Amino acid sequence: MAFDPAGNLWLTEYAGNRIDVMRPGGHFQAFSLPGSGKAPTEIVAGPDGAMWFSEDGGDALGRITAEGQVTEIALGGSHLDPIGLTVGPDHRWHSKTWP
């Protein structure tokens, strides 16, 4: 889970194939990911204002806006299973794959 700059708390639902957000004031929203079996894991706030997440089952990284617009970026292989994600000070993304 991670906060965005607006104070929204973002959560991944590994088995639920979705990203959830709890907004200030308690408003809850759930955004289903396209397809099935994506298994989102880590989520972090990106320098572009969107939230970025890893897809353990999707061999991809994902980007979701505050409005729920999802973009997926394939990692170019199979069974890469990214399980961690962080952005460095140079705005480069780093992800751990399994195993």
PDB file of N, CA and C in Angstrom:
ATOM      1  N   MET A   1       0.836  -1.174   0.000  1.00  0.00           N
ATOM      2  CA  MET A   1       0.000   0.000   0.000  1.00  0.00           C
ATOM      3  C   MET A   1       0.880   1.235   0.000  1.00  0.00           C
ATOM      4  N   ALA A   2       0.317   2.331  -0.518  1.00  0.00           N
ATOM      5  CA  ALA A   2       1.082   3.575  -0.610  1.00  0.00           C
ATOM      6  C   ALA A   2       0.124   4.755  -0.732  1.00  0.00           C
ATOM      7  N   PHE A   3       0.591   5.895  -0.262  1.00  0.00           N
ATOM      8  CA  PHE A   3      -0.162   7.139  -0.404  1.00  0.00           C
ATOM      9  C   PHE A   3       0.299   7.881  -1.653  1.00  0.00           C
ATOM     10  N   ASP A   4      -0.638   8.565  -2.302  1.00  0.00           N
ATOM     11  CA  ASP A   4      -0.277   9.461  -3.399  1.00  0.00           C
ATOM     12  C   ASP A   4      -0.157  10.881  -2.847  1.00  0.00           C
ATOM     13  N   PRO A   5       0.305  11.842  -3.634  1.00  0.00           N
ATOM     14  CA  PRO A   5       0.481  13.207  -3.138  1.00  0.00           C
ATOM     15  C   PRO A   5      -0.809  13.875  -2.644  1.00  0.00           C
ATOM     16  N   ALA A   6      -1.969  13.399  -3.100  1.00  0.00           N
ATOM     17  CA  ALA A   6      -3.252  13.975  -2.678  1.00  0.00           C
ATOM     18  C   ALA A   6      -3.757  13.383  -1.367  1.00  0.00           C
ATOM     19  N   GLY A   7      -3.030  12.411  -0.804  1.00  0.00           N
ATOM     20  CA  GLY A   7      -3.434  11.797   0.453  1.00  0.00           C
ATOM     21  C   GLY A   7      -4.323  10.578   0.306  1.00  0.00           C
ATOM     22  N   ASN A   8      -4.496  10.084  -0.916  1.00  0.00           N
ATOM     23  CA  ASN A   8      -5.266   8.863  -1.146  1.00  0.00           C
ATOM     24  C   ASN A   8      -4.407   7.651  -0.799  1.00  0.00           C
ATOM     25  N   LEU A   9      -5.008   6.662  -0.156  1.00  0.00           N
ATOM     26  CA  LEU A   9      -4.309   5.423   0.183  1.00  0.00           C
ATOM     27  C   LEU A   9      -4.653   4.367  -0.867  1.00  0.00           C
ATOM     28  N   TRP A  10      -3.641   3.858  -1.545  1.00  0.00           N
ATOM     29  CA  TRP A  10      -3.810   2.872  -2.609  1.00  0.00           C
ATOM     30  C   TRP A  10      -3.383   1.501  -2.112  1.00  0.00           C
ATOM     31  N   LEU A  11      -4.160   0.469  -2.482  1.00  0.00           N
ATOM     32  CA  LEU A  11      -3.905  -0.905  -2.055  1.00  0.00           C
ATOM     33  C   LEU A  11      -3.999  -1.841  -3.252  1.00  0.00           C
ATOM     34  N   THR A  12      -3.231  -2.907  -3.228  1.00  0.00           N
ATOM     35  CA  THR A  12      -3.354  -3.925  -4.266  1.00  0.00           C
ATOM     36  C   THR A  12      -4.112  -5.117  -3.694  1.00  0.00           C
ATOM     37  N   GLU A  13      -4.931  -5.733  -4.523  1.00  0.00           N
ATOM     38  CA  GLU A  13      -5.624  -6.969  -4.156  1.00  0.00           C
ATOM     39  C   GLU A  13      -5.078  -8.086  -5.029  1.00  0.00           C
ATOM     40  N   TYR A  14      -4.106  -8.800  -4.491  1.00  0.00           N
ATOM     41  CA  TYR A  14      -3.403  -9.851  -5.231  1.00  0.00           C
ATOM     42  C   TYR A  14      -4.377 -10.872  -5.816  1.00  0.00           C
ATOM     43  N   ALA A  15      -5.225 -11.444  -4.977  1.00  0.00           N
ATOM     44  CA  ALA A  15      -6.167 -12.472  -5.443  1.00  0.00           C
ATOM     45  C   ALA A  15      -7.401 -11.869  -6.105  1.00  0.00           C
ATOM     46  N   GLY A  16      -7.672 -10.601  -5.839  1.00  0.00           N
ATOM     47  CA  GLY A  16      -8.861  -9.960  -6.384  1.00  0.00           C
ATOM     48  C   GLY A  16      -8.671  -9.325  -7.746  1.00  0.00           C
ATOM     49  N   ASN A  17      -7.425  -9.280  -8.230  1.00  0.00           N
ATOM     50  CA  ASN A  17      -7.118  -8.719  -9.549  1.00  0.00           C
ATOM     51  C   ASN A  17      -7.584  -7.270  -9.672  1.00  0.00           C
ATOM     52  N   ARG A  18      -7.366  -6.500  -8.610  1.00  0.00           N
ATOM     53  CA  ARG A  18      -7.795  -5.105  -8.670  1.00  0.00           C
ATOM     54  C   ARG A  18      -6.921  -4.216  -7.795  1.00  0.00           C
ATOM     55  N   ILE A  19      -7.077  -2.920  -8.026  1.00  0.00           N
ATOM     56  CA  ILE A  19      -6.416  -1.877  -7.250  1.00  0.00           C
ATOM     57  C   ILE A  19      -7.519  -1.092  -6.546  1.00  0.00           C
ATOM     58  N   ASP A  20      -7.342  -0.861  -5.255  1.00  0.00           N
ATOM     59  CA  ASP A  20      -8.323  -0.125  -4.459  1.00  0.00           C
ATOM     60  C   ASP A  20      -7.726   1.197  -4.005  1.00  0.00           C
ATOM     61  N   VAL A  21      -8.591   2.170  -3.790  1.00  0.00           N
ATOM     62  CA  VAL A  21      -8.152   3.458  -3.264  1.00  0.00           C
ATOM     63  C   VAL A  21      -9.138   3.925  -2.198  1.00  0.00           C
ATOM     64  N   MET A  22      -8.583   4.379  -1.072  1.00  0.00           N
ATOM     65  CA  MET A  22      -9.365   4.986   0.001  1.00  0.00           C
ATOM     66  C   MET A  22      -9.023   6.466  -0.011  1.00  0.00           C
ATOM     67  N   ARG A  23     -10.023   7.269  -0.324  1.00  0.00           N
ATOM     68  CA  ARG A  23      -9.815   8.708  -0.436  1.00  0.00           C
ATOM     69  C   ARG A  23     -10.026   9.386   0.918  1.00  0.00           C
ATOM     70  N   PRO A  24      -9.428  10.570   1.125  1.00  0.00           N
ATOM     71  CA  PRO A  24      -9.670  11.298   2.368  1.00  0.00           C
ATOM     72  C   PRO A  24     -11.179  11.464   2.573  1.00  0.00           C
ATOM     73  N   GLY A  25     -11.621  11.272   3.779  1.00  0.00           N
ATOM     74  CA  GLY A  25     -13.049  11.328   4.064  1.00  0.00           C
ATOM     75  C   GLY A  25     -13.697   9.954   4.039  1.00  0.00           C
ATOM     76  N   GLY A  26     -12.933   8.930   3.636  1.00  0.00           N
ATOM     77  CA  GLY A  26     -13.427   7.562   3.709  1.00  0.00           C
ATOM     78  C   GLY A  26     -14.069   7.004   2.452  1.00  0.00           C
ATOM     79  N   HIS A  27     -14.074   7.743   1.341  1.00  0.00           N
ATOM     80  CA  HIS A  27     -14.661   7.224   0.099  1.00  0.00           C
ATOM     81  C   HIS A  27     -13.755   6.140  -0.487  1.00  0.00           C
ATOM     82  N   PHE A  28     -14.322   4.952  -0.729  1.00  0.00           N
ATOM     83  CA  PHE A  28     -13.585   3.791  -1.223  1.00  0.00           C
ATOM     84  C   PHE A  28     -13.971   3.502  -2.665  1.00  0.00           C
ATOM     85  N   GLN A  29     -12.970   3.216  -3.507  1.00  0.00           N
ATOM     86  CA  GLN A  29     -13.209   2.801  -4.886  1.00  0.00           C
ATOM     87  C   GLN A  29     -12.334   1.599  -5.197  1.00  0.00           C
ATOM     88  N   ALA A  30     -12.847   0.701  -6.033  1.00  0.00           N
ATOM     89  CA  ALA A  30     -12.094  -0.463  -6.486  1.00  0.00           C
ATOM     90  C   ALA A  30     -12.043  -0.443  -8.007  1.00  0.00           C
ATOM     91  N   PHE A  31     -10.862  -0.657  -8.557  1.00  0.00           N
ATOM     92  CA  PHE A  31     -10.659  -0.671 -10.001  1.00  0.00           C
ATOM     93  C   PHE A  31     -10.158  -2.048 -10.420  1.00  0.00           C
ATOM     94  N   SER A  32     -10.968  -2.773 -11.186  1.00  0.00           N
ATOM     95  CA  SER A  32     -10.562  -4.085 -11.700  1.00  0.00           C
ATOM     96  C   SER A  32      -9.530  -3.902 -12.803  1.00  0.00           C
ATOM     97  N   LEU A  33      -8.549  -4.786 -12.813  1.00  0.00           N
ATOM     98  CA  LEU A  33      -7.539  -4.751 -13.864  1.00  0.00           C
ATOM     99  C   LEU A  33      -8.064  -5.494 -15.089  1.00  0.00           C
ATOM    100  N   PRO A  34      -7.653  -5.076 -16.289  1.00  0.00           N
ATOM    101  CA  PRO A  34      -8.110  -5.770 -17.494  1.00  0.00           C
ATOM    102  C   PRO A  34      -7.558  -7.196 -17.537  1.00  0.00           C
ATOM    103  N   GLY A  35      -8.363  -8.118 -17.998  1.00  0.00           N
ATOM    104  CA  GLY A  35      -7.932  -9.510 -18.064  1.00  0.00           C
ATOM    105  C   GLY A  35      -8.053 -10.189 -16.713  1.00  0.00           C
ATOM    106  N   SER A  36      -7.436 -11.338 -16.593  1.00  0.00           N
ATOM    107  CA  SER A  36      -7.500 -12.078 -15.334  1.00  0.00           C
ATOM    108  C   SER A  36      -6.105 -12.513 -14.913  1.00  0.00           C
ATOM    109  N   GLY A  37      -5.972 -12.830 -13.634  1.00  0.00           N
ATOM    110  CA  GLY A  37      -4.730 -13.378 -13.118  1.00  0.00           C
ATOM    111  C   GLY A  37      -3.548 -12.435 -13.079  1.00  0.00           C
ATOM    112  N   LYS A  38      -3.779 -11.128 -13.005  1.00  0.00           N
ATOM    113  CA  LYS A  38      -2.675 -10.156 -13.007  1.00  0.00           C
ATOM    114  C   LYS A  38      -1.920 -10.140 -11.682  1.00  0.00           C
ATOM    115  N   ALA A  39      -2.604 -10.412 -10.583  1.00  0.00           N
ATOM    116  CA  ALA A  39      -1.996 -10.501  -9.259  1.00  0.00           C
ATOM    117  C   ALA A  39      -1.128  -9.283  -8.926  1.00  0.00           C
ATOM    118  N   PRO A  40      -1.740  -8.098  -8.798  1.00  0.00           N
ATOM    119  CA  PRO A  40      -0.949  -6.913  -8.465  1.00  0.00           C
ATOM    120  C   PRO A  40      -0.313  -7.045  -7.085  1.00  0.00           C
ATOM    121  N   THR A  41       0.930  -6.605  -6.978  1.00  0.00           N
ATOM    122  CA  THR A  41       1.646  -6.711  -5.704  1.00  0.00           C
ATOM    123  C   THR A  41       2.008  -5.327  -5.181  1.00  0.00           C
ATOM    124  N   GLU A  42       3.189  -4.883  -5.440  1.00  0.00           N
ATOM    125  CA  GLU A  42       3.685  -3.590  -4.931  1.00  0.00           C
ATOM    126  C   GLU A  42       3.015  -2.424  -5.661  1.00  0.00           C
ATOM    127  N   ILE A  43       2.773  -1.325  -4.943  1.00  0.00           N
ATOM    128  CA  ILE A  43       2.251  -0.104  -5.562  1.00  0.00           C
ATOM    129  C   ILE A  43       2.995   1.088  -4.977  1.00  0.00           C
ATOM    130  N   VAL A  44       3.374   2.023  -5.843  1.00  0.00           N
ATOM    131  CA  VAL A  44       4.127   3.206  -5.421  1.00  0.00           C
ATOM    132  C   VAL A  44       3.637   4.429  -6.194  1.00  0.00           C
ATOM    133  N   ALA A  45       3.827   5.594  -5.592  1.00  0.00           N
ATOM    134  CA  ALA A  45       3.503   6.851  -6.276  1.00  0.00           C
ATOM    135  C   ALA A  45       4.626   7.178  -7.252  1.00  0.00           C
ATOM    136  N   GLY A  46       4.253   7.491  -8.482  1.00  0.00           N
ATOM    137  CA  GLY A  46       5.236   7.819  -9.503  1.00  0.00           C
ATOM    138  C   GLY A  46       5.466   9.310  -9.613  1.00  0.00           C
ATOM    139  N   PRO A  47       6.561   9.709 -10.225  1.00  0.00           N
ATOM    140  CA  PRO A  47       6.872  11.129 -10.378  1.00  0.00           C
ATOM    141  C   PRO A  47       5.906  11.851 -11.318  1.00  0.00           C
ATOM    142  N   ASP A  48       5.098  11.080 -12.064  1.00  0.00           N
ATOM    143  CA  ASP A  48       4.125  11.675 -12.986  1.00  0.00           C
ATOM    144  C   ASP A  48       2.771  11.915 -12.333  1.00  0.00           C
ATOM    145  N   GLY A  49       2.639  11.616 -11.032  1.00  0.00           N
ATOM    146  CA  GLY A  49       1.381  11.820 -10.319  1.00  0.00           C
ATOM    147  C   GLY A  49       0.472  10.606 -10.318  1.00  0.00           C
ATOM    148  N   ALA A  50       0.778   9.599 -11.130  1.00  0.00           N
ATOM    149  CA  ALA A  50      -0.005   8.361 -11.164  1.00  0.00           C
ATOM    150  C   ALA A  50       0.590   7.362 -10.169  1.00  0.00           C
ATOM    151  N   MET A  51      -0.135   6.292  -9.941  1.00  0.00           N
ATOM    152  CA  MET A  51       0.366   5.195  -9.128  1.00  0.00           C
ATOM    153  C   MET A  51       0.847   4.099 -10.073  1.00  0.00           C
ATOM    154  N   TRP A  52       1.948   3.467  -9.710  1.00  0.00           N
ATOM    155  CA  TRP A  52       2.536   2.402 -10.514  1.00  0.00           C
ATOM    156  C   TRP A  52       2.560   1.131  -9.682  1.00  0.00           C
ATOM    157  N   PHE A  53       2.346  -0.014 -10.330  1.00  0.00           N
ATOM    158  CA  PHE A  53       2.283  -1.276  -9.599  1.00  0.00           C
ATOM    159  C   PHE A  53       2.910  -2.400 -10.415  1.00  0.00           C
ATOM    160  N   SER A  54       3.308  -3.452  -9.711  1.00  0.00           N
ATOM    161  CA  SER A  54       3.846  -4.638 -10.373  1.00  0.00           C
ATOM    162  C   SER A  54       2.742  -5.685 -10.468  1.00  0.00           C
ATOM    163  N   GLU A  55       2.782  -6.468 -11.544  1.00  0.00           N
ATOM    164  CA  GLU A  55       1.814  -7.538 -11.779  1.00  0.00           C
ATOM    165  C   GLU A  55       2.550  -8.871 -11.731  1.00  0.00           C
ATOM    166  N   ASP A  56       2.448  -9.551 -10.616  1.00  0.00           N
ATOM    167  CA  ASP A  56       3.125 -10.835 -10.432  1.00  0.00           C
ATOM    168  C   ASP A  56       2.668 -11.849 -11.474  1.00  0.00           C
ATOM    169  N   GLY A  57       1.393 -11.876 -11.798  1.00  0.00           N
ATOM    170  CA  GLY A  57       0.870 -12.842 -12.755  1.00  0.00           C
ATOM    171  C   GLY A  57       0.794 -12.323 -14.176  1.00  0.00           C
ATOM    172  N   GLY A  58       1.060 -11.040 -14.375  1.00  0.00           N
ATOM    173  CA  GLY A  58       0.899 -10.454 -15.699  1.00  0.00           C
ATOM    174  C   GLY A  58       2.179 -10.168 -16.443  1.00  0.00           C
ATOM    175  N   ASP A  59       3.329 -10.451 -15.800  1.00  0.00           N
ATOM    176  CA  ASP A  59       4.628 -10.155 -16.417  1.00  0.00           C
ATOM    177  C   ASP A  59       4.678  -8.725 -16.940  1.00  0.00           C
ATOM    178  N   ALA A  60       4.181  -7.796 -16.108  1.00  0.00           N
ATOM    179  CA  ALA A  60       4.087  -6.401 -16.539  1.00  0.00           C
ATOM    180  C   ALA A  60       4.152  -5.466 -15.340  1.00  0.00           C
ATOM    181  N   LEU A  61       4.386  -4.216 -15.649  1.00  0.00           N
ATOM    182  CA  LEU A  61       4.199  -3.135 -14.691  1.00  0.00           C
ATOM    183  C   LEU A  61       2.949  -2.399 -15.129  1.00  0.00           C
ATOM    184  N   GLY A  62       2.261  -1.803 -14.180  1.00  0.00           N
ATOM    185  CA  GLY A  62       1.036  -1.090 -14.510  1.00  0.00           C
ATOM    186  C   GLY A  62       1.054   0.320 -13.961  1.00  0.00           C
ATOM    187  N   ARG A  63       0.265   1.165 -14.581  1.00  0.00           N
ATOM    188  CA  ARG A  63       0.098   2.559 -14.171  1.00  0.00           C
ATOM    189  C   ARG A  63      -1.397   2.810 -14.046  1.00  0.00           C
ATOM    190  N   ILE A  64      -1.819   3.436 -12.948  1.00  0.00           N
ATOM    191  CA  ILE A  64      -3.224   3.758 -12.756  1.00  0.00           C
ATOM    192  C   ILE A  64      -3.349   5.209 -12.315  1.00  0.00           C
ATOM    193  N   THR A  65      -4.266   5.923 -12.946  1.00  0.00           N
ATOM    194  CA  THR A  65      -4.504   7.322 -12.596  1.00  0.00           C
ATOM    195  C   THR A  65      -5.531   7.400 -11.473  1.00  0.00           C
ATOM    196  N   ALA A  66      -5.691   8.575 -10.905  1.00  0.00           N
ATOM    197  CA  ALA A  66      -6.674   8.782  -9.844  1.00  0.00           C
ATOM    198  C   ALA A  66      -8.088   8.466 -10.312  1.00  0.00           C
ATOM    199  N   GLU A  67      -8.326   8.548 -11.622  1.00  0.00           N
ATOM    200  CA  GLU A  67      -9.645   8.252 -12.190  1.00  0.00           C
ATOM    201  C   GLU A  67      -9.816   6.767 -12.509  1.00  0.00           C
ATOM    202  N   GLY A  68      -8.763   5.973 -12.351  1.00  0.00           N
ATOM    203  CA  GLY A  68      -8.845   4.539 -12.591  1.00  0.00           C
ATOM    204  C   GLY A  68      -8.427   4.088 -13.973  1.00  0.00           C
ATOM    205  N   GLN A  69      -7.838   4.964 -14.765  1.00  0.00           N
ATOM    206  CA  GLN A  69      -7.357   4.584 -16.101  1.00  0.00           C
ATOM    207  C   GLN A  69      -6.081   3.755 -15.955  1.00  0.00           C
ATOM    208  N   VAL A  70      -6.112   2.524 -16.454  1.00  0.00           N
ATOM    209  CA  VAL A  70      -4.988   1.596 -16.310  1.00  0.00           C
ATOM    210  C   VAL A  70      -4.231   1.460 -17.627  1.00  0.00           C
ATOM    211  N   THR A  71      -2.905   1.525 -17.533  1.00  0.00           N
ATOM    212  CA  THR A  71      -2.011   1.243 -18.650  1.00  0.00           C
ATOM    213  C   THR A  71      -1.051   0.156 -18.187  1.00  0.00           C
ATOM    214  N   GLU A  72      -0.862  -0.866 -19.008  1.00  0.00           N
ATOM    215  CA  GLU A  72       0.063  -1.939 -18.665  1.00  0.00           C
ATOM    216  C   GLU A  72       1.267  -1.909 -19.603  1.00  0.00           C
ATOM    217  N   ILE A  73       2.447  -2.144 -19.032  1.00  0.00           N
ATOM    218  CA  ILE A  73       3.681  -2.159 -19.802  1.00  0.00           C
ATOM    219  C   ILE A  73       4.291  -3.553 -19.675  1.00  0.00           C
ATOM    220  N   ALA A  74       4.238  -4.323 -20.753  1.00  0.00           N
ATOM    221  CA  ALA A  74       4.786  -5.681 -20.747  1.00  0.00           C
ATOM    222  C   ALA A  74       6.297  -5.633 -20.555  1.00  0.00           C
ATOM    223  N   LEU A  75       6.817  -6.584 -19.795  1.00  0.00           N
ATOM    224  CA  LEU A  75       8.251  -6.630 -19.524  1.00  0.00           C
ATOM    225  C   LEU A  75       9.028  -7.382 -20.593  1.00  0.00           C
ATOM    226  N   GLY A  76       8.349  -7.971 -21.553  1.00  0.00           N
ATOM    227  CA  GLY A  76       9.038  -8.598 -22.674  1.00  0.00           C
ATOM    228  C   GLY A  76       9.518 -10.009 -22.424  1.00  0.00           C
ATOM    229  N   GLY A  77       8.829 -10.738 -21.604  1.00  0.00           N
ATOM    230  CA  GLY A  77       9.201 -12.126 -21.356  1.00  0.00           C
ATOM    231  C   GLY A  77       8.069 -12.840 -20.657  1.00  0.00           C
ATOM    232  N   SER A  78       8.269 -14.108 -20.383  1.00  0.00           N
ATOM    233  CA  SER A  78       7.259 -14.856 -19.646  1.00  0.00           C
ATOM    234  C   SER A  78       7.853 -15.333 -18.329  1.00  0.00           C
ATOM    235  N   HIS A  79       7.003 -15.507 -17.369  1.00  0.00           N
ATOM    236  CA  HIS A  79       7.372 -15.964 -16.030  1.00  0.00           C
ATOM    237  C   HIS A  79       8.384 -15.037 -15.357  1.00  0.00           C
ATOM    238  N   LEU A  80       8.288 -13.738 -15.636  1.00  0.00           N
ATOM    239  CA  LEU A  80       9.166 -12.761 -14.973  1.00  0.00           C
ATOM    240  C   LEU A  80       8.637 -12.418 -13.591  1.00  0.00           C
ATOM    241  N   ASP A  81       7.317 -12.402 -13.439  1.00  0.00           N
ATOM    242  CA  ASP A  81       6.640 -12.245 -12.155  1.00  0.00           C
ATOM    243  C   ASP A  81       7.214 -11.128 -11.277  1.00  0.00           C
ATOM    244  N   PRO A  82       7.105  -9.878 -11.696  1.00  0.00           N
ATOM    245  CA  PRO A  82       7.621  -8.795 -10.853  1.00  0.00           C
ATOM    246  C   PRO A  82       6.849  -8.712  -9.536  1.00  0.00           C
ATOM    247  N   ILE A  83       7.571  -8.654  -8.429  1.00  0.00           N
ATOM    248  CA  ILE A  83       6.922  -8.631  -7.118  1.00  0.00           C
ATOM    249  C   ILE A  83       7.274  -7.396  -6.305  1.00  0.00           C
ATOM    250  N   GLY A  84       8.139  -6.579  -6.782  1.00  0.00           N
ATOM    251  CA  GLY A  84       8.515  -5.364  -6.078  1.00  0.00           C
ATOM    252  C   GLY A  84       8.686  -4.241  -7.069  1.00  0.00           C
ATOM    253  N   LEU A  85       8.623  -3.012  -6.582  1.00  0.00           N
ATOM    254  CA  LEU A  85       8.731  -1.874  -7.486  1.00  0.00           C
ATOM    255  C   LEU A  85       9.139  -0.640  -6.700  1.00  0.00           C
ATOM    256  N   THR A  86      10.074   0.100  -7.260  1.00  0.00           N
ATOM    257  CA  THR A  86      10.459   1.384  -6.681  1.00  0.00           C
ATOM    258  C   THR A  86      10.962   2.279  -7.808  1.00  0.00           C
ATOM    259  N   VAL A  87      10.939   3.567  -7.558  1.00  0.00           N
ATOM    260  CA  VAL A  87      11.466   4.524  -8.528  1.00  0.00           C
ATOM    261  C   VAL A  87      12.667   5.213  -7.887  1.00  0.00           C
ATOM    262  N   GLY A  88      13.738   5.324  -8.652  1.00  0.00           N
ATOM    263  CA  GLY A  88      14.949   5.953  -8.148  1.00  0.00           C
ATOM    264  C   GLY A  88      14.916   7.460  -8.317  1.00  0.00           C
ATOM    265  N   PRO A  89      15.890   8.161  -7.742  1.00  0.00           N
ATOM    266  CA  PRO A  89      15.938   9.617  -7.845  1.00  0.00           C
ATOM    267  C   PRO A  89      16.126  10.108  -9.280  1.00  0.00           C
ATOM    268  N   ASP A  90      16.586   9.212 -10.153  1.00  0.00           N
ATOM    269  CA  ASP A  90      16.757   9.561 -11.566  1.00  0.00           C
ATOM    270  C   ASP A  90      15.497   9.249 -12.386  1.00  0.00           C
ATOM    271  N   HIS A  91      14.401   8.893 -11.691  1.00  0.00           N
ATOM    272  CA  HIS A  91      13.104   8.557 -12.294  1.00  0.00           C
ATOM    273  C   HIS A  91      13.132   7.258 -13.093  1.00  0.00           C
ATOM    274  N   ARG A  92      14.095   6.398 -12.831  1.00  0.00           N
ATOM    275  CA  ARG A  92      14.128   5.070 -13.445  1.00  0.00           C
ATOM    276  C   ARG A  92      13.415   4.092 -12.519  1.00  0.00           C
ATOM    277  N   TRP A  93      12.689   3.163 -13.136  1.00  0.00           N
ATOM    278  CA  TRP A  93      11.958   2.154 -12.379  1.00  0.00           C
ATOM    279  C   TRP A  93      12.846   0.944 -12.130  1.00  0.00           C
ATOM    280  N   HIS A  94      12.713   0.373 -10.937  1.00  0.00           N
ATOM    281  CA  HIS A  94      13.442  -0.834 -10.567  1.00  0.00           C
ATOM    282  C   HIS A  94      12.428  -1.824 -10.014  1.00  0.00           C
ATOM    283  N   SER A  95      12.512  -3.054 -10.483  1.00  0.00           N
ATOM    284  CA  SER A  95      11.581  -4.085 -10.043  1.00  0.00           C
ATOM    285  C   SER A  95      12.333  -5.375  -9.782  1.00  0.00           C
ATOM    286  N   LYS A  96      11.904  -6.085  -8.758  1.00  0.00           N
ATOM    287  CA  LYS A  96      12.448  -7.409  -8.478  1.00  0.00           C
ATOM    288  C   LYS A  96      11.534  -8.430  -9.138  1.00  0.00           C
ATOM    289  N   THR A  97      12.129  -9.401  -9.806  1.00  0.00           N
ATOM    290  CA  THR A  97      11.337 -10.467 -10.406  1.00  0.00           C
ATOM    291  C   THR A  97      11.517 -11.743  -9.605  1.00  0.00           C
ATOM    292  N   TRP A  98      10.622 -12.680  -9.827  1.00  0.00           N
ATOM    293  CA  TRP A  98      10.599 -13.905  -9.036  1.00  0.00           C
ATOM    294  C   TRP A  98      10.943 -15.073  -9.911  1.00  0.00           C
ATOM    295  N   PRO A  99      11.731 -15.989  -9.540  1.00  0.00           N
ATOM    296  CA  PRO A  99      12.770 -15.905  -8.520  1.00  0.00           C
ATOM    297  C   PRO A  99      13.997 -15.228  -9.053  1.00  0.00           C
TER     298      PRO A  99
END
